[in-house]
Amino acid sequence: MTQTRPSPSAPAAADGTPEPPPRPRRALTRQDLTGWVFLIPALLIFGLFSWWPIIRGLLVSFQDTNLIDEPLWVGMENFQRLFADPLLGTAILNTLLFVGLAVLIGFPLPIVLAAIMSTVRRRGGAYRFLVYLPVVIPPVVSVLLWKWFYEPDSGLFNNLLALIGAGPFPWLQSPSTAMLSLVIESTWAGMGGSVLIYLAALVGIPSELYEAAELDGAGIFRRVWHVTLPQLRFVIGLLLLMQLINTLQVFTEPYVFTGGGPQDATVTVLLLVFRYAFVNGDYGQAAALSFLLAIALGILSAVYLRVTRRWSR
């Protein structure tokens, strides 16, 4: 009687469960080749207009160039002059202040508006249109409109405050209120998309969860805390990361509103990049600061995604 040889056991994973056997490598088919034929042109265009400018900017950060004549390789000199500029610290602090105020004011507001609008049964489409309308308006037009609102003498806000005997306030003329004024306009102009995303996510929450929480005696605040927010955790985390990246790159508001003033109170990192390149003509220093900002954003994204990885599970 012949004995059968026992089959070798599959290697076990760290938790003791056997790992699946490796899949055999599959040969390319005609369908795969067709997909690559359509994909390669898109990759070439993306590389030409996205990756090559990034590589070119990295090279410029080590050069002294006016983008016309032959560049001169200067190594780390652009970074040394950048760190020696006292305005760099001011720009970083102003940018972080803008980010902090934008997150404090502009991040919870779309969640609150979406929660309120999700309970509206009539004219819901009109409310969605009104809340998304600022996103449709071009950013420069929005800033110029609000710049008139903020006028100290004939502006809309001070005229309304004068009716109740308050004001006038130097919205953009005072270093203590200029950054807050920029954040308020930025929140109004950009929160419409977040509101619609939250509304779509709220619709996807099963009603059985709210019914079970209500049967357990949970009030409105407990239902929001234990049902709504946990169900929205992935959307909240994604939109928070996007807001951090967008606000760290703020440029339009300080450039059009104040030009960085008053007293450099609204100079941001990207506005400083603009000054280096198109005011001073120092493209190498501008590219160096842009490269450092890209590294900071990459580190922020990696750390944030690692910290919030559990939220998506």
Protein backbone atom coordinates (compact mmCIF):
# COMPACT_ATOMS: atom_id res chain seq x y z
CA MET A 1 0.00 0.00 0.00
CA THR A 2 1.48 3.29 -1.10
CA GLN A 3 1.41 6.28 1.16
CA THR A 4 0.65 9.73 -0.20
CA ARG A 5 3.08 12.47 0.63
CA PRO A 6 1.56 15.23 2.72
CA SER A 7 1.32 18.53 0.93
CA PRO A 8 3.55 21.23 2.32
CA SER A 9 1.65 23.60 4.55
CA ALA A 10 1.18 27.20 3.45
CA PRO A 11 3.29 29.76 5.25
CA ALA A 12 1.50 31.37 8.15
CA ALA A 13 1.05 35.10 8.57
CA ALA A 14 1.84 37.01 11.73
CA ASP A 15 -1.61 36.34 13.19
CA GLY A 16 -1.40 32.57 12.51
CA THR A 17 -3.66 32.46 9.46
CA PRO A 18 -2.18 30.77 6.37
CA GLU A 19 -1.23 33.13 3.59
CA PRO A 20 -2.69 32.50 0.12
CA PRO A 21 -0.29 30.99 -2.44
CA PRO A 22 1.30 33.50 -4.83
CA ARG A 23 -0.62 34.05 -8.03
CA PRO A 24 1.07 32.95 -11.25
CA ARG A 25 2.22 35.77 -13.49
CA ARG A 26 -0.18 36.34 -16.36
CA ALA A 27 1.03 37.06 -19.87
CA LEU A 28 -0.04 40.29 -21.54
CA THR A 29 -3.12 39.92 -23.70
CA ARG A 30 -4.33 41.98 -26.63
CA GLN A 31 -6.75 43.75 -24.29
CA ASP A 32 -3.84 44.77 -22.03
CA LEU A 33 -1.87 46.10 -25.01
CA THR A 34 -4.90 48.07 -26.19
CA GLY A 35 -5.21 49.63 -22.75
CA TRP A 36 -1.53 50.65 -22.76
CA VAL A 37 -1.91 52.17 -26.25
CA PHE A 38 -4.63 54.48 -24.96
CA LEU A 39 -2.84 55.13 -21.65
CA ILE A 40 0.63 56.05 -22.94
CA PRO A 41 -0.44 59.32 -24.66
CA ALA A 42 -2.18 60.45 -21.48
CA LEU A 43 0.92 59.61 -19.43
CA LEU A 44 3.14 61.52 -21.84
CA ILE A 45 0.91 64.60 -21.71
CA PHE A 46 0.68 64.38 -17.90
CA GLY A 47 4.43 64.02 -17.62
CA LEU A 48 5.09 66.91 -20.00
CA PHE A 49 2.76 69.39 -18.34
CA SER A 50 2.92 68.17 -14.71
CA TRP A 51 6.09 66.27 -13.84
CA TRP A 52 8.52 68.11 -16.12
CA PRO A 53 7.66 71.55 -14.65
CA ILE A 54 8.27 70.08 -11.17
CA ILE A 55 11.67 68.73 -12.22
CA ARG A 56 12.46 72.00 -14.01
CA GLY A 57 11.54 74.00 -10.91
CA LEU A 58 13.80 71.81 -8.79
CA LEU A 59 16.70 72.47 -11.16
CA VAL A 60 16.00 76.23 -11.15
CA SER A 61 16.23 76.27 -7.34
CA PHE A 62 19.95 75.49 -7.71
CA GLN A 63 20.56 78.02 -10.49
CA ASP A 64 20.88 81.74 -11.06
CA THR A 65 18.72 82.35 -14.11
CA ASN A 66 16.29 84.77 -15.73
CA LEU A 67 14.72 81.87 -17.72
CA ILE A 68 16.12 83.33 -20.96
CA ASP A 69 19.91 83.34 -20.82
CA GLU A 70 22.13 80.39 -20.00
CA PRO A 71 21.61 79.51 -16.30
CA LEU A 72 24.47 79.59 -13.82
CA TRP A 73 24.72 76.73 -11.30
CA VAL A 74 24.97 78.21 -7.77
CA GLY A 75 24.21 75.15 -5.63
CA MET A 76 22.72 75.95 -2.21
CA GLU A 77 23.17 79.73 -2.52
CA ASN A 78 19.45 80.32 -3.22
CA PHE A 79 18.47 78.41 -0.08
CA GLN A 80 21.04 80.31 2.01
CA ARG A 81 19.70 83.67 0.86
CA LEU A 82 16.17 82.41 1.43
CA PHE A 83 16.80 81.49 5.06
CA ALA A 84 18.59 84.81 5.60
CA ASP A 85 15.48 86.77 4.55
CA PRO A 86 13.66 87.98 7.70
CA LEU A 87 10.38 88.13 5.75
CA LEU A 88 10.39 84.33 5.40
CA GLY A 89 9.52 83.80 9.07
CA THR A 90 6.76 86.39 8.83
CA ALA A 91 5.30 84.69 5.76
CA ILE A 92 5.35 81.27 7.45
CA LEU A 93 3.65 82.59 10.60
CA ASN A 94 1.02 84.42 8.56
CA THR A 95 0.33 81.31 6.50
CA LEU A 96 -0.05 79.19 9.64
CA LEU A 97 -2.37 81.84 11.11
CA PHE A 98 -4.51 81.72 7.97
CA VAL A 99 -4.61 77.91 8.12
CA GLY A 100 -5.57 77.93 11.81
CA LEU A 101 -8.37 80.47 11.35
CA ALA A 102 -9.62 78.72 8.20
CA VAL A 103 -9.82 75.37 9.99
CA LEU A 104 -11.41 76.92 13.09
CA ILE A 105 -14.06 78.82 11.13
CA GLY A 106 -14.34 77.18 7.75
CA PHE A 107 -14.09 73.50 8.62
CA PRO A 108 -17.05 72.93 11.01
CA LEU A 109 -19.36 75.37 9.18
CA PRO A 110 -19.99 73.14 6.12
CA ILE A 111 -20.81 70.19 8.41
CA VAL A 112 -23.34 72.28 10.35
CA LEU A 113 -24.93 73.66 7.17
CA ALA A 114 -25.14 70.20 5.60
CA ALA A 115 -26.77 68.78 8.74
CA ILE A 116 -29.36 71.60 8.72
CA MET A 117 -30.03 71.35 4.99
CA SER A 118 -30.46 67.56 5.22
CA THR A 119 -33.53 68.13 7.40
CA VAL A 120 -35.16 70.58 4.95
CA ARG A 121 -37.99 68.94 3.01
CA ARG A 122 -39.04 71.84 0.76
CA ARG A 123 -36.95 73.95 -1.62
CA GLY A 124 -33.88 71.84 -0.92
CA GLY A 125 -32.61 72.38 -4.46
CA ALA A 126 -32.77 76.16 -4.08
CA TYR A 127 -30.73 76.03 -0.88
CA ARG A 128 -28.14 73.81 -2.54
CA PHE A 129 -27.92 76.26 -5.44
CA LEU A 130 -27.45 79.24 -3.11
CA VAL A 131 -24.77 77.54 -1.02
CA TYR A 132 -22.84 76.45 -4.12
CA LEU A 133 -23.20 79.77 -5.98
CA PRO A 134 -20.02 81.34 -4.47
CA VAL A 135 -17.95 78.46 -5.87
CA VAL A 136 -19.15 79.29 -9.39
CA ILE A 137 -18.08 82.93 -9.10
CA PRO A 138 -14.45 83.43 -10.25
CA PRO A 139 -12.14 83.83 -7.24
CA VAL A 140 -10.86 87.28 -8.28
CA VAL A 141 -14.43 88.52 -8.75
CA SER A 142 -15.36 87.26 -5.29
CA VAL A 143 -12.38 89.00 -3.72
CA LEU A 144 -13.12 92.29 -5.50
CA LEU A 145 -16.77 92.07 -4.40
CA TRP A 146 -15.80 91.53 -0.78
CA LYS A 147 -13.18 94.24 -1.03
CA TRP A 148 -16.05 96.63 -1.63
CA PHE A 149 -17.91 95.09 1.31
CA TYR A 150 -14.89 95.83 3.51
CA GLU A 151 -14.48 99.48 2.44
CA PRO A 152 -14.09 101.58 5.62
CA ASP A 153 -16.29 104.48 4.42
CA SER A 154 -18.75 103.25 1.81
CA GLY A 155 -18.56 99.48 2.32
CA LEU A 156 -21.63 97.32 2.85
CA PHE A 157 -20.57 95.92 6.22
CA ASN A 158 -19.83 99.27 7.85
CA ASN A 159 -23.03 100.77 6.43
CA LEU A 160 -25.06 97.93 7.97
CA LEU A 161 -23.23 98.29 11.28
CA ALA A 162 -23.91 102.03 11.24
CA LEU A 163 -27.65 101.28 11.35
CA ILE A 164 -27.20 99.82 14.85
CA GLY A 165 -24.68 102.43 15.92
CA ALA A 166 -21.58 100.25 15.57
CA GLY A 167 -18.39 100.72 13.60
CA PRO A 168 -16.85 101.65 11.35
CA PHE A 169 -14.23 98.90 11.49
CA PRO A 170 -10.91 98.88 9.57
CA TRP A 171 -11.42 95.42 8.13
CA LEU A 172 -8.44 95.37 5.77
CA GLN A 173 -6.57 98.40 7.02
CA SER A 174 -5.62 97.04 10.45
CA PRO A 175 -3.00 94.31 10.96
CA SER A 176 -5.14 92.82 13.74
CA THR A 177 -8.25 92.25 11.55
CA ALA A 178 -6.86 91.89 8.01
CA MET A 179 -6.12 88.16 8.19
CA LEU A 180 -9.50 87.37 9.76
CA SER A 181 -11.22 89.34 7.00
CA LEU A 182 -9.42 87.25 4.39
CA VAL A 183 -10.45 84.01 6.10
CA ILE A 184 -14.12 85.03 6.22
CA GLU A 185 -14.22 85.68 2.49
CA SER A 186 -12.27 82.51 1.73
CA THR A 187 -14.70 80.45 3.80
CA TRP A 188 -17.72 81.95 2.03
CA ALA A 189 -16.19 81.38 -1.40
CA GLY A 190 -15.06 77.80 -0.93
CA MET A 191 -17.41 75.98 1.42
CA GLY A 192 -20.13 75.18 -1.15
CA GLY A 193 -18.40 72.08 -2.49
CA SER A 194 -17.79 70.71 1.00
CA VAL A 195 -21.45 71.24 1.92
CA LEU A 196 -22.63 69.20 -1.08
CA ILE A 197 -20.15 66.42 -0.31
CA TYR A 198 -21.36 66.24 3.29
CA LEU A 199 -24.97 66.24 2.12
CA ALA A 200 -24.28 63.27 -0.17
CA ALA A 201 -22.55 61.45 2.70
CA LEU A 202 -25.43 62.16 5.09
CA VAL A 203 -27.90 60.64 2.64
CA GLY A 204 -25.86 57.43 2.66
CA ILE A 205 -26.13 56.93 6.44
CA PRO A 206 -28.65 54.13 7.15
CA SER A 207 -31.75 55.41 8.93
CA GLU A 208 -31.75 52.25 11.09
CA LEU A 209 -28.77 53.60 13.01
CA TYR A 210 -30.68 56.72 14.03
CA GLU A 211 -33.76 54.67 14.91
CA ALA A 212 -31.70 52.35 17.10
CA ALA A 213 -30.04 55.28 18.83
CA GLU A 214 -33.41 56.93 19.41
CA LEU A 215 -34.79 53.72 20.92
CA ASP A 216 -31.82 53.71 23.30
CA GLY A 217 -32.85 57.17 24.47
CA ALA A 218 -30.15 59.15 22.66
CA GLY A 219 -30.92 62.82 22.13
CA ILE A 220 -30.06 64.88 19.09
CA PHE A 221 -26.53 65.68 20.25
CA ARG A 222 -25.75 62.08 21.17
CA ARG A 223 -27.08 60.88 17.82
CA VAL A 224 -24.83 63.36 16.03
CA TRP A 225 -21.82 62.39 18.16
CA HIS A 226 -22.26 58.60 18.11
CA VAL A 227 -23.90 58.08 14.68
CA THR A 228 -23.39 60.99 12.29
CA LEU A 229 -19.76 61.88 12.94
CA PRO A 230 -18.47 58.27 13.02
CA GLN A 231 -20.22 57.57 9.71
CA LEU A 232 -18.66 60.69 8.19
CA ARG A 233 -15.16 60.11 9.54
CA PHE A 234 -13.63 59.19 6.18
CA VAL A 235 -15.19 62.17 4.40
CA ILE A 236 -14.22 64.49 7.27
CA GLY A 237 -10.64 63.28 7.20
CA LEU A 238 -10.33 63.66 3.43
CA LEU A 239 -11.84 67.15 3.33
CA LEU A 240 -9.71 68.25 6.28
CA LEU A 241 -6.55 67.18 4.45
CA MET A 242 -7.66 68.97 1.29
CA GLN A 243 -8.43 72.13 3.25
CA LEU A 244 -5.03 72.08 4.93
CA ILE A 245 -3.28 71.72 1.57
CA ASN A 246 -5.38 74.45 -0.07
CA THR A 247 -5.03 76.96 2.76
CA LEU A 248 -1.27 76.44 2.99
CA GLN A 249 -1.16 77.58 -0.65
CA VAL A 250 -3.32 80.67 -0.21
CA PHE A 251 -2.44 83.39 -2.70
CA THR A 252 -5.43 85.07 -4.36
CA GLU A 253 -6.92 86.61 -1.21
CA PRO A 254 -3.78 88.31 0.15
CA TYR A 255 -2.62 89.35 -3.34
CA VAL A 256 -5.89 91.00 -4.44
CA PHE A 257 -7.17 92.17 -1.05
CA THR A 258 -4.10 93.74 0.54
CA GLY A 259 -1.01 92.93 -1.52
CA GLY A 260 0.53 91.53 1.66
CA GLY A 261 -0.21 94.55 3.85
CA PRO A 262 -0.84 96.27 6.09
CA GLN A 263 2.66 96.09 7.57
CA ASP A 264 3.23 92.64 5.99
CA ALA A 265 0.41 91.23 8.13
CA THR A 266 -0.99 89.16 5.22
CA VAL A 267 2.20 88.14 3.42
CA THR A 268 1.94 84.39 2.84
CA VAL A 269 4.43 81.87 1.51
CA LEU A 270 3.04 81.83 -2.03
CA LEU A 271 2.81 85.61 -2.09
CA LEU A 272 6.47 85.70 -1.10
CA VAL A 273 7.24 83.30 -3.97
CA PHE A 274 5.45 85.70 -6.32
CA ARG A 275 7.49 88.64 -5.00
CA TYR A 276 10.76 86.78 -5.43
CA ALA A 277 9.97 85.79 -9.02
CA PHE A 278 8.00 88.68 -10.54
CA VAL A 279 9.00 91.65 -8.38
CA ASN A 280 12.66 90.93 -7.60
CA GLY A 281 13.29 88.79 -10.69
CA ASP A 282 14.97 86.13 -8.51
CA TYR A 283 13.55 82.95 -10.01
CA GLY A 284 16.07 80.72 -8.25
CA GLN A 285 15.03 81.90 -4.80
CA ALA A 286 11.35 81.63 -5.75
CA ALA A 287 11.89 78.06 -6.96
CA ALA A 288 13.77 77.21 -3.75
CA LEU A 289 10.88 78.40 -1.58
CA SER A 290 8.37 76.55 -3.80
CA PHE A 291 10.41 73.37 -3.45
CA LEU A 292 10.46 73.68 0.35
CA LEU A 293 6.70 74.26 0.38
CA ALA A 294 6.16 71.14 -1.74
CA ILE A 295 8.25 69.08 0.69
CA ALA A 296 6.25 70.44 3.64
CA LEU A 297 2.96 69.56 1.94
CA GLY A 298 4.22 66.07 1.12
CA ILE A 299 5.29 65.44 4.72
CA LEU A 300 1.98 66.80 6.02
CA SER A 301 0.00 64.52 3.69
CA ALA A 302 2.04 61.43 4.60
CA VAL A 303 1.79 62.06 8.35
CA TYR A 304 -1.90 62.88 8.19
CA LEU A 305 -2.79 59.81 6.12
CA ARG A 306 -0.82 57.57 8.46
CA VAL A 307 -2.43 59.04 11.57
CA THR A 308 -5.95 58.82 10.16
CA ARG A 309 -5.56 55.42 8.49
CA ARG A 310 -7.81 53.82 11.10
CA TRP A 311 -10.64 56.18 10.19
CA SER A 312 -11.10 54.56 6.78
CA ARG A 313 -11.40 51.05 8.19
